[in-house]
Amino acid sequence: MSSSDTSIGQDAAGANTFNPQNVDLDTADPATIICYLNRGENEYDGRLGARVSALFVILIVSTALTFFPVVATRVKRVKIPLYVYLFARYFGAGVIVATAFIQ
């Protein structure tokens, strides 16, 4: 570390710290910059169980709603008005077409 390197400073305990606001990429030590970038924080809070369970909830709900039109037309005991069925079918088709345009 050279004395002209102003991106390196010292904290209250006397340890060398990296100052990202005052970086000259021509004179800064690349190892110091990489160490600073690897030390960065992310927003993950450790709730892995909630994330995994959310995947299964999405899987089950989307499967049930995907098979709803098939069940509504083949099972005669399920009395769905024609207009409700057509609205749901065309709304689903519109969501698929809109997604295709966005992609």
N, C-alpha and C. Protein backbone atom coordinates (compact mmCIF):
# COMPACT_ATOMS: atom_id res chain seq x y z
N MET A 1 0.85 -1.17 0.00
CA MET A 1 0.00 0.00 0.00
C MET A 1 0.89 1.23 0.00
N SER A 2 0.69 2.10 -0.94
CA SER A 2 1.50 3.31 -1.05
C SER A 2 0.89 4.41 -0.21
N SER A 3 1.71 5.40 0.09
CA SER A 3 1.22 6.51 0.91
C SER A 3 0.30 7.44 0.12
N SER A 4 0.36 7.34 -1.23
CA SER A 4 -0.49 8.20 -2.04
C SER A 4 -1.87 7.58 -2.28
N ASP A 5 -2.08 6.36 -1.81
CA ASP A 5 -3.36 5.68 -2.02
C ASP A 5 -4.36 6.24 -1.02
N THR A 6 -5.30 7.09 -1.49
CA THR A 6 -6.26 7.74 -0.59
C THR A 6 -7.54 6.94 -0.41
N SER A 7 -7.66 5.82 -1.12
CA SER A 7 -8.86 5.02 -0.95
C SER A 7 -8.78 4.15 0.30
N ILE A 8 -7.58 4.03 0.89
CA ILE A 8 -7.39 3.25 2.10
C ILE A 8 -7.26 4.22 3.27
N GLY A 9 -8.05 3.97 4.30
CA GLY A 9 -7.99 4.80 5.49
C GLY A 9 -7.87 3.91 6.71
N GLN A 10 -7.96 4.51 7.88
CA GLN A 10 -7.91 3.74 9.12
C GLN A 10 -9.13 4.08 9.95
N ASP A 11 -9.69 3.04 10.57
CA ASP A 11 -10.83 3.27 11.44
C ASP A 11 -10.34 3.62 12.84
N ALA A 12 -11.25 3.69 13.80
CA ALA A 12 -10.90 4.10 15.17
C ALA A 12 -9.94 3.12 15.83
N ALA A 13 -10.01 1.84 15.44
CA ALA A 13 -9.12 0.84 16.05
C ALA A 13 -7.77 0.80 15.37
N GLY A 14 -7.59 1.56 14.30
CA GLY A 14 -6.31 1.60 13.62
C GLY A 14 -6.18 0.61 12.48
N ALA A 15 -7.25 -0.14 12.20
CA ALA A 15 -7.22 -1.12 11.11
C ALA A 15 -7.45 -0.42 9.78
N ASN A 16 -6.85 -0.95 8.74
CA ASN A 16 -7.04 -0.37 7.41
C ASN A 16 -8.45 -0.66 6.91
N THR A 17 -9.11 0.35 6.40
CA THR A 17 -10.44 0.20 5.83
C THR A 17 -10.45 0.79 4.42
N PHE A 18 -11.37 0.35 3.62
CA PHE A 18 -11.50 0.79 2.24
C PHE A 18 -12.56 1.87 2.17
N ASN A 19 -12.25 3.00 1.54
CA ASN A 19 -13.18 4.10 1.40
C ASN A 19 -13.69 4.10 -0.05
N PRO A 20 -14.91 3.63 -0.32
CA PRO A 20 -15.39 3.53 -1.70
C PRO A 20 -15.69 4.88 -2.33
N GLN A 21 -15.83 5.94 -1.54
CA GLN A 21 -16.13 7.26 -2.11
C GLN A 21 -14.88 7.93 -2.69
N ASN A 22 -13.71 7.46 -2.33
CA ASN A 22 -12.48 8.12 -2.76
C ASN A 22 -11.56 7.09 -3.42
N VAL A 23 -11.98 6.55 -4.56
CA VAL A 23 -11.24 5.49 -5.23
C VAL A 23 -10.64 6.00 -6.53
N ASP A 24 -9.36 5.78 -6.69
CA ASP A 24 -8.69 6.00 -7.96
C ASP A 24 -8.32 4.61 -8.47
N LEU A 25 -9.02 4.15 -9.50
CA LEU A 25 -8.83 2.78 -9.95
C LEU A 25 -7.46 2.53 -10.55
N ASP A 26 -6.72 3.60 -10.87
CA ASP A 26 -5.36 3.42 -11.39
C ASP A 26 -4.37 3.08 -10.29
N THR A 27 -4.57 3.60 -9.09
CA THR A 27 -3.61 3.39 -8.01
C THR A 27 -4.13 2.48 -6.91
N ALA A 28 -5.43 2.16 -6.88
CA ALA A 28 -5.99 1.34 -5.81
C ALA A 28 -5.55 -0.11 -5.98
N ASP A 29 -5.38 -0.78 -4.85
CA ASP A 29 -5.01 -2.20 -4.85
C ASP A 29 -6.24 -3.02 -5.24
N PRO A 30 -6.17 -3.81 -6.31
CA PRO A 30 -7.34 -4.59 -6.74
C PRO A 30 -7.83 -5.57 -5.68
N ALA A 31 -6.94 -6.11 -4.89
CA ALA A 31 -7.35 -7.05 -3.84
C ALA A 31 -8.23 -6.34 -2.81
N THR A 32 -7.92 -5.10 -2.51
CA THR A 32 -8.72 -4.34 -1.55
C THR A 32 -10.12 -4.07 -2.09
N ILE A 33 -10.21 -3.73 -3.36
CA ILE A 33 -11.52 -3.47 -3.97
C ILE A 33 -12.36 -4.73 -3.99
N ILE A 34 -11.76 -5.86 -4.36
CA ILE A 34 -12.49 -7.13 -4.42
C ILE A 34 -12.94 -7.55 -3.03
N CYS A 35 -12.08 -7.37 -2.04
CA CYS A 35 -12.47 -7.70 -0.67
C CYS A 35 -13.64 -6.85 -0.20
N TYR A 36 -13.64 -5.56 -0.58
CA TYR A 36 -14.75 -4.68 -0.21
C TYR A 36 -16.04 -5.13 -0.88
N LEU A 37 -15.98 -5.51 -2.16
CA LEU A 37 -17.18 -5.93 -2.88
C LEU A 37 -17.70 -7.26 -2.34
N ASN A 38 -16.83 -8.17 -1.95
CA ASN A 38 -17.26 -9.45 -1.40
C ASN A 38 -17.85 -9.31 -0.01
N ARG A 39 -17.50 -8.25 0.68
CA ARG A 39 -18.02 -8.02 2.03
C ARG A 39 -19.43 -7.44 2.02
N GLY A 40 -19.94 -7.08 0.85
CA GLY A 40 -21.24 -6.42 0.74
C GLY A 40 -22.37 -7.22 1.36
N GLU A 41 -23.33 -6.51 1.86
CA GLU A 41 -24.50 -7.12 2.50
C GLU A 41 -25.60 -7.33 1.47
N ASN A 42 -26.41 -8.35 1.68
CA ASN A 42 -27.60 -8.52 0.86
C ASN A 42 -28.82 -8.50 1.78
N GLU A 43 -30.00 -8.58 1.21
CA GLU A 43 -31.23 -8.44 1.99
C GLU A 43 -31.82 -9.77 2.41
N TYR A 44 -31.09 -10.87 2.22
CA TYR A 44 -31.60 -12.19 2.60
C TYR A 44 -31.57 -12.32 4.11
N ASP A 45 -32.73 -12.66 4.69
CA ASP A 45 -32.82 -12.72 6.14
C ASP A 45 -32.86 -14.13 6.70
N GLY A 46 -32.65 -15.15 5.87
CA GLY A 46 -32.53 -16.50 6.37
C GLY A 46 -33.83 -17.29 6.45
N ARG A 47 -34.94 -16.76 5.96
CA ARG A 47 -36.20 -17.49 6.04
C ARG A 47 -36.34 -18.40 4.82
N LEU A 48 -35.52 -19.43 4.75
CA LEU A 48 -35.53 -20.35 3.63
C LEU A 48 -36.81 -21.19 3.62
N GLY A 49 -37.31 -21.57 4.78
CA GLY A 49 -38.53 -22.36 4.86
C GLY A 49 -39.73 -21.65 4.25
N ALA A 50 -39.82 -20.35 4.47
CA ALA A 50 -40.93 -19.58 3.90
C ALA A 50 -40.83 -19.53 2.39
N ARG A 51 -39.62 -19.44 1.87
CA ARG A 51 -39.44 -19.39 0.42
C ARG A 51 -39.76 -20.73 -0.22
N VAL A 52 -39.34 -21.81 0.40
CA VAL A 52 -39.62 -23.15 -0.15
C VAL A 52 -41.11 -23.43 -0.08
N SER A 53 -41.75 -23.11 1.03
CA SER A 53 -43.19 -23.36 1.15
C SER A 53 -43.98 -22.49 0.17
N ALA A 54 -43.50 -21.29 -0.14
CA ALA A 54 -44.18 -20.44 -1.11
C ALA A 54 -44.18 -21.08 -2.50
N LEU A 55 -43.10 -21.77 -2.84
CA LEU A 55 -43.07 -22.47 -4.13
C LEU A 55 -44.14 -23.55 -4.20
N PHE A 56 -44.31 -24.31 -3.12
CA PHE A 56 -45.34 -25.36 -3.12
C PHE A 56 -46.75 -24.77 -3.12
N VAL A 57 -46.95 -23.65 -2.43
CA VAL A 57 -48.26 -23.00 -2.45
C VAL A 57 -48.59 -22.53 -3.86
N ILE A 58 -47.63 -21.92 -4.54
CA ILE A 58 -47.85 -21.48 -5.92
C ILE A 58 -48.13 -22.67 -6.83
N LEU A 59 -47.40 -23.77 -6.64
CA LEU A 59 -47.61 -24.98 -7.44
C LEU A 59 -49.02 -25.53 -7.25
N ILE A 60 -49.47 -25.64 -6.03
CA ILE A 60 -50.79 -26.23 -5.75
C ILE A 60 -51.91 -25.33 -6.23
N VAL A 61 -51.82 -24.04 -5.95
CA VAL A 61 -52.89 -23.11 -6.36
C VAL A 61 -52.96 -23.00 -7.88
N SER A 62 -51.82 -22.91 -8.54
CA SER A 62 -51.86 -22.79 -9.99
C SER A 62 -52.35 -24.08 -10.65
N THR A 63 -52.02 -25.23 -10.07
CA THR A 63 -52.53 -26.49 -10.61
C THR A 63 -54.04 -26.58 -10.44
N ALA A 64 -54.54 -26.21 -9.27
CA ALA A 64 -55.99 -26.27 -9.03
C ALA A 64 -56.74 -25.32 -9.96
N LEU A 65 -56.22 -24.12 -10.15
CA LEU A 65 -56.92 -23.16 -11.00
C LEU A 65 -56.75 -23.49 -12.49
N THR A 66 -55.71 -24.22 -12.83
CA THR A 66 -55.55 -24.63 -14.22
C THR A 66 -56.55 -25.72 -14.58
N PHE A 67 -56.80 -26.63 -13.65
CA PHE A 67 -57.74 -27.72 -13.92
C PHE A 67 -59.19 -27.34 -13.66
N PHE A 68 -59.45 -26.16 -13.12
CA PHE A 68 -60.82 -25.76 -12.83
C PHE A 68 -61.73 -25.75 -14.06
N PRO A 69 -61.32 -25.19 -15.19
CA PRO A 69 -62.22 -25.24 -16.36
C PRO A 69 -62.52 -26.66 -16.84
N VAL A 70 -61.55 -27.54 -16.74
CA VAL A 70 -61.77 -28.93 -17.14
C VAL A 70 -62.78 -29.60 -16.21
N VAL A 71 -62.62 -29.39 -14.93
CA VAL A 71 -63.54 -29.97 -13.95
C VAL A 71 -64.92 -29.34 -14.10
N ALA A 72 -64.98 -28.03 -14.35
CA ALA A 72 -66.27 -27.35 -14.47
C ALA A 72 -67.06 -27.83 -15.67
N THR A 73 -66.40 -28.23 -16.74
CA THR A 73 -67.14 -28.69 -17.92
C THR A 73 -67.47 -30.17 -17.87
N ARG A 74 -66.67 -31.00 -17.23
CA ARG A 74 -66.88 -32.45 -17.25
C ARG A 74 -67.72 -32.97 -16.10
N VAL A 75 -67.68 -32.30 -14.97
CA VAL A 75 -68.46 -32.74 -13.81
C VAL A 75 -69.77 -31.98 -13.83
N LYS A 76 -70.87 -32.71 -13.99
CA LYS A 76 -72.19 -32.06 -14.12
C LYS A 76 -72.73 -31.55 -12.79
N ARG A 77 -72.22 -32.06 -11.68
CA ARG A 77 -72.71 -31.59 -10.38
C ARG A 77 -72.20 -30.18 -10.07
N VAL A 78 -71.10 -29.78 -10.69
CA VAL A 78 -70.58 -28.43 -10.48
C VAL A 78 -71.34 -27.51 -11.43
N LYS A 79 -72.22 -26.70 -10.88
CA LYS A 79 -73.05 -25.80 -11.69
C LYS A 79 -72.40 -24.42 -11.77
N ILE A 80 -71.68 -24.19 -12.83
CA ILE A 80 -71.05 -22.90 -13.08
C ILE A 80 -71.82 -22.24 -14.20
N PRO A 81 -72.30 -21.01 -13.99
CA PRO A 81 -73.00 -20.32 -15.08
C PRO A 81 -72.07 -20.15 -16.29
N LEU A 82 -72.67 -20.20 -17.46
CA LEU A 82 -71.90 -20.13 -18.70
C LEU A 82 -71.09 -18.84 -18.79
N TYR A 83 -71.67 -17.72 -18.36
CA TYR A 83 -70.97 -16.45 -18.46
C TYR A 83 -69.76 -16.39 -17.53
N VAL A 84 -69.86 -16.99 -16.37
CA VAL A 84 -68.72 -17.03 -15.45
C VAL A 84 -67.61 -17.89 -16.05
N TYR A 85 -67.98 -19.03 -16.63
CA TYR A 85 -67.01 -19.92 -17.25
C TYR A 85 -66.32 -19.23 -18.43
N LEU A 86 -67.09 -18.58 -19.29
CA LEU A 86 -66.50 -17.91 -20.45
C LEU A 86 -65.61 -16.74 -20.03
N PHE A 87 -66.05 -15.99 -19.00
CA PHE A 87 -65.22 -14.89 -18.51
C PHE A 87 -63.89 -15.41 -18.00
N ALA A 88 -63.91 -16.47 -17.22
CA ALA A 88 -62.66 -17.02 -16.66
C ALA A 88 -61.77 -17.55 -17.77
N ARG A 89 -62.35 -18.21 -18.75
CA ARG A 89 -61.57 -18.77 -19.85
C ARG A 89 -60.92 -17.67 -20.70
N TYR A 90 -61.69 -16.65 -21.05
CA TYR A 90 -61.13 -15.58 -21.87
C TYR A 90 -60.17 -14.69 -21.09
N PHE A 91 -60.42 -14.53 -19.81
CA PHE A 91 -59.49 -13.77 -18.98
C PHE A 91 -58.16 -14.49 -18.90
N GLY A 92 -58.18 -15.80 -18.72
CA GLY A 92 -56.94 -16.58 -18.70
C GLY A 92 -56.20 -16.52 -20.02
N ALA A 93 -56.93 -16.59 -21.12
CA ALA A 93 -56.29 -16.47 -22.44
C ALA A 93 -55.68 -15.08 -22.61
N GLY A 94 -56.34 -14.05 -22.11
CA GLY A 94 -55.81 -12.70 -22.20
C GLY A 94 -54.53 -12.53 -21.39
N VAL A 95 -54.47 -13.17 -20.24
CA VAL A 95 -53.26 -13.12 -19.42
C VAL A 95 -52.10 -13.79 -20.15
N ILE A 96 -52.37 -14.90 -20.80
CA ILE A 96 -51.32 -15.60 -21.55
C ILE A 96 -50.83 -14.74 -22.72
N VAL A 97 -51.75 -14.13 -23.45
CA VAL A 97 -51.37 -13.29 -24.59
C VAL A 97 -50.61 -12.06 -24.10
N ALA A 98 -51.06 -11.44 -23.01
CA ALA A 98 -50.35 -10.27 -22.47
C ALA A 98 -48.96 -10.63 -22.02
N THR A 99 -48.79 -11.80 -21.41
CA THR A 99 -47.47 -12.24 -20.99
C THR A 99 -46.57 -12.45 -22.20
N ALA A 100 -47.13 -12.97 -23.28
CA ALA A 100 -46.34 -13.18 -24.50
C ALA A 100 -45.87 -11.84 -25.07
N PHE A 101 -46.71 -10.82 -25.01
CA PHE A 101 -46.30 -9.51 -25.53
C PHE A 101 -45.23 -8.86 -24.65
N ILE A 102 -45.29 -9.09 -23.35
CA ILE A 102 -44.32 -8.50 -22.44
C ILE A 102 -42.96 -9.17 -22.62
N GLN A 103 -42.95 -10.45 -22.81
CA GLN A 103 -41.69 -11.18 -22.96
C GLN A 103 -41.04 -10.77 -24.22
